[in-house]
N, C-alpha and C. Protein backbone atom coordinates (compact mmCIF):
# COMPACT_ATOMS: atom_id res chain seq x y z
N MET A 1 35.49 6.94 -2.16
CA MET A 1 34.20 6.73 -2.67
C MET A 1 32.64 7.66 -2.04
N ALA A 2 32.67 8.62 -2.90
CA ALA A 2 30.95 9.14 -2.78
C ALA A 2 30.04 8.86 -2.09
N ASP A 3 29.39 9.19 -0.78
CA ASP A 3 28.67 8.83 -0.35
C ASP A 3 27.20 8.44 -1.12
N ILE A 4 26.28 7.19 -1.39
CA ILE A 4 25.32 6.89 -2.59
C ILE A 4 24.45 7.36 -1.23
N THR A 5 23.11 7.59 -2.27
CA THR A 5 21.85 8.13 -1.64
C THR A 5 20.87 7.24 -1.99
N VAL A 6 19.75 7.11 -1.68
CA VAL A 6 18.52 7.45 -2.13
C VAL A 6 18.32 6.88 -3.70
N TYR A 7 18.40 9.07 -3.96
CA TYR A 7 18.50 9.22 -5.39
C TYR A 7 19.27 7.84 -6.08
N ASP A 8 20.42 7.94 -6.09
CA ASP A 8 21.42 6.95 -6.61
C ASP A 8 20.19 5.49 -6.19
N VAL A 9 20.31 5.72 -5.58
CA VAL A 9 18.90 3.85 -6.02
C VAL A 9 18.02 3.83 -6.52
N ALA A 10 17.62 5.13 -6.23
CA ALA A 10 16.43 5.12 -7.09
C ALA A 10 16.60 4.94 -9.09
N ARG A 11 17.09 5.88 -9.46
CA ARG A 11 17.95 5.78 -10.25
C ARG A 11 18.25 5.00 -11.19
N LYS A 12 19.15 4.17 -10.18
CA LYS A 12 19.65 2.55 -10.55
C LYS A 12 18.22 1.99 -11.24
N ALA A 13 17.67 1.57 -10.00
CA ALA A 13 16.86 1.07 -10.14
C ALA A 13 15.16 1.47 -11.10
N LYS A 14 14.87 2.41 -11.56
CA LYS A 14 14.09 2.75 -12.13
C LYS A 14 13.00 3.55 -11.96
N VAL A 15 13.30 3.72 -9.96
CA VAL A 15 11.42 4.44 -9.35
C VAL A 15 11.99 4.93 -8.57
N SER A 16 11.01 5.20 -7.86
CA SER A 16 10.59 6.51 -6.80
C SER A 16 11.45 6.49 -6.10
N ILE A 17 12.28 7.28 -5.18
CA ILE A 17 12.66 7.59 -3.86
C ILE A 17 11.83 7.32 -3.17
N ALA A 18 10.14 7.25 -3.15
CA ALA A 18 9.29 6.90 -2.28
C ALA A 18 9.28 5.75 -2.25
N THR A 19 9.18 4.44 -3.36
CA THR A 19 9.32 3.07 -3.91
C THR A 19 10.24 2.67 -2.55
N VAL A 20 12.12 3.30 -3.33
CA VAL A 20 13.23 2.71 -2.74
C VAL A 20 12.86 2.76 -0.44
N SER A 21 12.30 3.85 -0.81
CA SER A 21 12.15 3.99 0.92
C SER A 21 10.99 3.04 1.23
N ARG A 22 10.01 2.73 0.77
CA ARG A 22 8.41 1.67 1.37
C ARG A 22 9.45 0.63 1.34
N THR A 23 10.61 0.65 -0.19
CA THR A 23 11.21 -0.91 0.41
C THR A 23 11.65 -1.45 1.34
N LEU A 24 12.97 -0.44 1.72
CA LEU A 24 13.28 -0.65 3.02
C LEU A 24 12.89 -0.30 3.83
N ASN A 25 11.25 0.36 4.56
CA ASN A 25 10.84 0.67 5.69
C ASN A 25 9.20 -0.16 6.11
N SER A 26 9.32 -0.92 4.80
CA SER A 26 7.03 -1.46 4.82
C SER A 26 7.02 -2.71 4.16
N PRO A 27 6.64 -3.37 4.18
CA PRO A 27 6.16 -4.12 3.03
C PRO A 27 5.15 -4.28 1.99
N ALA A 28 4.97 -2.20 1.92
CA ALA A 28 3.88 -2.11 1.08
C ALA A 28 3.96 -2.18 -0.27
N VAL A 29 5.20 -2.86 -1.24
CA VAL A 29 5.65 -2.22 -2.39
C VAL A 29 5.44 -3.77 -3.21
N ASN A 30 5.05 -3.32 -4.42
CA ASN A 30 5.12 -4.21 -5.73
C ASN A 30 6.42 -5.20 -5.42
N GLU A 31 6.30 -6.62 -5.72
CA GLU A 31 7.81 -7.26 -5.49
C GLU A 31 8.31 -7.04 -6.40
N SER A 32 8.08 -7.36 -7.76
CA SER A 32 9.03 -6.93 -8.83
C SER A 32 9.68 -5.38 -8.83
N ASP A 33 8.92 -4.34 -7.83
CA ASP A 33 10.05 -3.27 -7.88
C ASP A 33 11.24 -3.21 -6.64
N SER A 34 10.50 -4.26 -5.54
CA SER A 34 10.98 -4.32 -4.30
C SER A 34 12.25 -5.17 -4.88
N LYS A 35 12.07 -6.35 -5.86
CA LYS A 35 13.60 -7.36 -6.11
C LYS A 35 14.84 -6.48 -6.44
N ARG A 36 13.88 -5.20 -7.40
CA ARG A 36 14.87 -4.04 -8.41
C ARG A 36 15.60 -3.73 -7.58
N VAL A 37 14.73 -2.53 -6.60
CA VAL A 37 15.43 -2.23 -5.63
C VAL A 37 17.05 -2.78 -4.53
N LEU A 38 16.10 -4.05 -3.95
CA LEU A 38 17.44 -4.72 -3.23
C LEU A 38 18.29 -5.41 -4.10
N GLY A 39 18.59 -5.70 -5.34
CA GLY A 39 19.70 -5.66 -6.01
C GLY A 39 20.19 -4.86 -6.38
N VAL A 40 19.56 -3.26 -6.27
CA VAL A 40 21.11 -1.85 -6.95
C VAL A 40 21.20 -2.11 -5.58
N ILE A 41 20.81 -1.97 -4.03
CA ILE A 41 20.97 -1.94 -3.31
C ILE A 41 22.74 -2.78 -2.38
N ASP A 42 22.57 -3.98 -2.98
CA ASP A 42 23.47 -4.81 -2.69
C ASP A 42 25.05 -4.96 -4.09
N ALA A 43 24.18 -4.19 -5.53
CA ALA A 43 24.93 -4.17 -6.21
C ALA A 43 25.62 -3.14 -5.51
N LEU A 44 25.87 -1.77 -4.87
CA LEU A 44 26.16 -1.22 -4.53
C LEU A 44 26.37 -1.13 -3.01
N ALA A 45 26.75 -1.85 -2.92
CA ALA A 45 27.25 -2.59 -1.37
C ALA A 45 26.58 -1.27 -0.05
N LEU A 46 25.68 -1.38 -0.41
CA LEU A 46 25.08 0.00 0.21
C LEU A 46 24.34 -0.58 1.40
N PHE A 47 24.42 0.35 2.80
CA PHE A 47 23.82 -0.01 3.95
C PHE A 47 23.11 1.05 4.59
N GLN A 48 22.91 0.43 4.98
CA GLN A 48 21.33 1.84 5.81
C GLN A 48 21.75 2.71 6.97
N LYS A 49 22.14 3.88 7.34
CA LYS A 49 22.76 4.40 7.69
C LYS A 49 21.55 4.76 9.32
N GLN A 50 21.91 3.79 10.08
CA GLN A 50 20.93 3.51 11.31
C GLN A 50 21.36 5.24 12.04
N GLN A 51 21.85 6.12 12.16
CA GLN A 51 20.94 7.45 12.92
C GLN A 51 20.37 7.98 11.51
N ALA A 52 20.49 8.05 10.58
CA ALA A 52 19.54 8.95 9.44
C ALA A 52 17.96 8.02 9.54
N SER A 53 18.46 6.37 10.13
CA SER A 53 16.98 5.88 10.06
C SER A 53 16.49 6.80 10.87
N ALA A 54 17.02 6.76 12.19
CA ALA A 54 16.38 6.63 13.81
C ALA A 54 15.70 8.36 13.70
N ARG A 55 16.64 9.41 13.02
CA ARG A 55 16.34 10.46 12.89
C ARG A 55 14.64 10.60 12.14
N ALA A 56 14.80 10.10 11.12
CA ALA A 56 13.59 10.21 10.10
C ALA A 56 12.15 10.39 11.22
N ARG A 57 12.49 8.36 11.85
CA ARG A 57 11.20 8.39 12.85
C ARG A 57 11.19 8.35 13.74
N LYS A 58 11.73 9.67 14.32
CA LYS A 58 12.16 10.64 15.54
C LYS A 58 10.63 11.30 15.89
N TRP A 59 9.57 10.69 16.75
CA TRP A 59 9.07 11.52 17.46
C TRP A 59 9.13 11.97 18.90
N HIS A 60 9.47 13.04 18.65
CA HIS A 60 9.62 14.08 19.92
C HIS A 60 7.93 14.22 21.19
N GLY A 61 7.52 14.07 20.65
CA GLY A 61 6.32 13.87 21.61
C GLY A 61 6.12 15.18 22.26
N ARG A 62 5.85 16.43 21.68
CA ARG A 62 5.94 18.07 21.89
C ARG A 62 4.76 18.39 21.09
N ILE A 63 4.10 19.30 21.88
CA ILE A 63 3.48 20.37 20.92
C ILE A 63 3.39 21.78 22.18
N GLY A 64 3.36 22.48 20.73
CA GLY A 64 3.09 24.02 21.54
C GLY A 64 2.19 24.69 21.75
N VAL A 65 2.11 25.96 22.37
CA VAL A 65 0.73 26.49 23.06
C VAL A 65 1.22 27.73 22.66
N LEU A 66 0.30 28.98 22.21
CA LEU A 66 0.44 30.13 22.53
C LEU A 66 -0.88 30.24 23.48
N ALA A 67 -0.19 31.31 24.44
CA ALA A 67 -1.47 31.92 24.47
C ALA A 67 -0.61 33.65 25.01
N PRO A 68 -1.68 34.28 24.66
CA PRO A 68 -1.19 35.84 25.49
C PRO A 68 -1.06 36.19 26.30
N PHE A 69 -2.28 35.67 27.58
CA PHE A 69 -2.01 36.28 28.87
C PHE A 69 -1.77 35.06 29.83
N LEU A 70 -1.17 34.74 30.62
CA LEU A 70 -1.58 33.50 31.61
C LEU A 70 -1.84 33.86 32.59
N THR A 71 -2.62 35.33 32.93
CA THR A 71 -3.33 35.82 34.20
C THR A 71 -4.58 35.84 33.74
N TYR A 72 -5.15 35.50 32.52
CA TYR A 72 -6.86 35.49 32.71
C TYR A 72 -7.05 34.11 32.50
N PRO A 73 -7.73 33.67 33.66
CA PRO A 73 -9.20 32.52 34.11
C PRO A 73 -8.85 31.75 32.78
N SER A 74 -9.33 32.49 31.82
CA SER A 74 -9.90 31.26 30.79
C SER A 74 -8.35 31.19 29.83
N PHE A 75 -7.91 31.20 30.01
CA PHE A 75 -6.49 30.35 29.33
C PHE A 75 -6.21 29.91 30.02
N VAL A 76 -5.52 29.37 31.66
CA VAL A 76 -5.49 28.93 32.05
C VAL A 76 -6.13 27.69 31.56
N GLN A 77 -7.66 27.82 32.51
CA GLN A 77 -8.61 26.92 31.85
C GLN A 77 -8.33 26.31 30.78
N ARG A 78 -8.08 26.78 29.45
CA ARG A 78 -7.38 26.32 28.11
C ARG A 78 -6.10 24.96 28.21
N LEU A 79 -5.32 25.80 28.72
CA LEU A 79 -4.32 25.36 28.83
C LEU A 79 -4.42 23.98 29.83
N ARG A 80 -5.04 23.45 30.97
CA ARG A 80 -5.40 22.99 31.76
C ARG A 80 -6.09 22.05 30.27
N GLY A 81 -6.94 22.01 30.09
CA GLY A 81 -7.41 20.75 28.75
C GLY A 81 -6.74 20.29 28.21
N VAL A 82 -5.95 21.69 27.06
CA VAL A 82 -4.96 21.05 26.75
C VAL A 82 -4.01 19.93 26.89
N SER A 83 -3.04 20.05 28.64
CA SER A 83 -2.79 19.20 29.14
C SER A 83 -3.51 17.46 28.90
N THR A 84 -4.62 17.92 29.99
CA THR A 84 -5.19 16.70 30.42
C THR A 84 -5.62 16.16 28.82
N ALA A 85 -5.97 16.58 27.60
CA ALA A 85 -6.15 15.98 26.63
C ALA A 85 -5.11 15.68 25.97
N VAL A 86 -3.44 15.87 25.85
CA VAL A 86 -2.23 15.77 25.76
C VAL A 86 -2.02 14.00 26.26
N VAL A 87 -2.42 14.11 27.69
CA VAL A 87 -1.73 13.18 28.47
C VAL A 87 -2.25 12.06 28.26
């Protein structure tokens, strides 16, 4: 059997993929839409893949900073400011 996707659930429930996602991840969904989506999920015997959910929510906590020269005091000072603001 092929993997069932959020697109399949949305199509069968006649809602958008955003509505399916919100139904699974937050309470901010119209009750009738939520019931329809959950009904389709139950009918398809769908279960949420934990790895996909974790990967979608993962926040790495990294930023990138480009500095042309680390030998100039002004750039070093700016980088210190960035590092203190981030922490």
